[in-house]
Amino acid sequence: MGKWMGPLPDRCDFCGEALKNRFVDGKTVYGPWGILCQNCHKAIGVGLGLGKGQMYDLKTLEKIRG
C-alpha cells in the first residue's frame, strides 16, 4: 500500500487537536493541503484518492485508504 515518510504528525493543522488513531494528509475545500484529524477531514476535506488525500494509521504509519 504505502507508508507515511514525513515527520510523525501529532496535531491537526486546522483545529489543533491531538491526533488519535488515524490522520489524513489531504486537500481542503479552502485549497491548501494539511494534516487533518478525522473530524476536520469530514468537515473540510475533499475526499480520499489521487489528488484528494490519503488516510494513515497513526501507530504503524501505513496508508489505509486514498
C-alpha atoms as a PDB file:
ATOM      1  CA  MET A   1       0.000   0.000   0.000  1.00  0.00           C
ATOM      2  CA  GLY A   2       2.292   2.776   1.204  1.00  0.00           C
ATOM      3  CA  LYS A   3       3.806   4.283   4.277  1.00  0.00           C
ATOM      4  CA  TRP A   4       3.971   7.831   5.661  1.00  0.00           C
ATOM      5  CA  MET A   5       7.506   9.098   5.090  1.00  0.00           C
ATOM      6  CA  GLY A   6       7.404  12.518   6.748  1.00  0.00           C
ATOM      7  CA  PRO A   7       7.856  13.561  10.369  1.00  0.00           C
ATOM      8  CA  LEU A   8       5.381  11.956  12.770  1.00  0.00           C
ATOM      9  CA  PRO A   9       2.362  14.290  12.961  1.00  0.00           C
ATOM     10  CA  ASP A  10       0.799  14.831  16.376  1.00  0.00           C
ATOM     11  CA  ARG A  11      -1.835  17.570  15.871  1.00  0.00           C
ATOM     12  CA  CYS A  12      -4.437  18.539  13.302  1.00  0.00           C
ATOM     13  CA  ASP A  13      -3.260  21.524  11.240  1.00  0.00           C
ATOM     14  CA  PHE A  14      -6.767  23.022  11.316  1.00  0.00           C
ATOM     15  CA  CYS A  15      -8.307  22.526  14.766  1.00  0.00           C
ATOM     16  CA  GLY A  16      -5.091  21.875  16.718  1.00  0.00           C
ATOM     17  CA  GLU A  17      -6.474  18.790  18.465  1.00  0.00           C
ATOM     18  CA  ALA A  18      -4.157  15.854  19.165  1.00  0.00           C
ATOM     19  CA  LEU A  19      -4.419  13.124  16.526  1.00  0.00           C
ATOM     20  CA  LYS A  20      -5.819   9.829  17.739  1.00  0.00           C
ATOM     21  CA  ASN A  21      -5.806   6.604  15.694  1.00  0.00           C
ATOM     22  CA  ARG A  22      -5.765   7.921  12.134  1.00  0.00           C
ATOM     23  CA  PHE A  23      -4.924  11.053  10.220  1.00  0.00           C
ATOM     24  CA  VAL A  24      -5.455  12.331   6.701  1.00  0.00           C
ATOM     25  CA  ASP A  25      -2.890  14.091   4.561  1.00  0.00           C
ATOM     26  CA  GLY A  26      -5.424  15.825   2.385  1.00  0.00           C
ATOM     27  CA  LYS A  27      -6.699  18.747   0.394  1.00  0.00           C
ATOM     28  CA  THR A  28      -9.306  21.018   1.951  1.00  0.00           C
ATOM     29  CA  VAL A  29     -12.244  22.897   0.477  1.00  0.00           C
ATOM     30  CA  TYR A  30     -10.154  26.034   1.071  1.00  0.00           C
ATOM     31  CA  GLY A  31      -7.426  24.807  -1.317  1.00  0.00           C
ATOM     32  CA  PRO A  32      -4.396  24.076   0.877  1.00  0.00           C
ATOM     33  CA  TRP A  33      -3.399  20.588   1.954  1.00  0.00           C
ATOM     34  CA  GLY A  34      -2.707  19.684   5.563  1.00  0.00           C
ATOM     35  CA  ILE A  35      -2.683  17.022   8.233  1.00  0.00           C
ATOM     36  CA  LEU A  36      -6.302  16.577   9.275  1.00  0.00           C
ATOM     37  CA  CYS A  37      -7.980  14.769  12.147  1.00  0.00           C
ATOM     38  CA  GLN A  38     -10.961  12.651  11.141  1.00  0.00           C
ATOM     39  CA  ASN A  39     -13.477  15.316  12.234  1.00  0.00           C
ATOM     40  CA  CYS A  40     -11.829  18.089  10.214  1.00  0.00           C
ATOM     41  CA  HIS A  41     -11.493  15.793   7.219  1.00  0.00           C
ATOM     42  CA  LYS A  42     -15.237  15.125   7.347  1.00  0.00           C
ATOM     43  CA  ALA A  43     -15.973  18.849   7.655  1.00  0.00           C
ATOM     44  CA  ILE A  44     -13.491  20.445   5.231  1.00  0.00           C
ATOM     45  CA  GLY A  45     -11.728  17.635   3.358  1.00  0.00           C
ATOM     46  CA  VAL A  46     -12.466  16.910  -0.296  1.00  0.00           C
ATOM     47  CA  GLY A  47     -12.279  13.112  -0.026  1.00  0.00           C
ATOM     48  CA  LEU A  48      -9.657  10.420  -0.453  1.00  0.00           C
ATOM     49  CA  GLY A  49      -7.809   9.310  -3.555  1.00  0.00           C
ATOM     50  CA  LEU A  50      -5.493  10.714  -6.194  1.00  0.00           C
ATOM     51  CA  GLY A  51      -5.380  14.491  -5.894  1.00  0.00           C
ATOM     52  CA  LYS A  52      -7.574  14.489  -2.788  1.00  0.00           C
ATOM     53  CA  GLY A  53      -5.869  12.803   0.156  1.00  0.00           C
ATOM     54  CA  GLN A  54      -4.626   9.700   1.916  1.00  0.00           C
ATOM     55  CA  MET A  55      -5.567   8.256   5.302  1.00  0.00           C
ATOM     56  CA  TYR A  56      -2.838   6.755   7.511  1.00  0.00           C
ATOM     57  CA  ASP A  57      -2.735   4.706  10.700  1.00  0.00           C
ATOM     58  CA  LEU A  58      -1.024   6.856  13.341  1.00  0.00           C
ATOM     59  CA  LYS A  59       0.739   3.924  15.041  1.00  0.00           C
ATOM     60  CA  THR A  60       2.032   1.936  12.059  1.00  0.00           C
ATOM     61  CA  LEU A  61       2.147   4.893   9.614  1.00  0.00           C
ATOM     62  CA  GLU A  62       0.709   2.530   6.966  1.00  0.00           C
ATOM     63  CA  LYS A  63      -1.643   4.009   4.378  1.00  0.00           C
ATOM     64  CA  ILE A  64      -5.204   2.813   4.980  1.00  0.00           C
ATOM     65  CA  ARG A  65      -7.051   4.455   2.060  1.00  0.00           C
ATOM     66  CA  GLY A  66      -6.599   7.001  -0.643  1.00  0.00           C
END
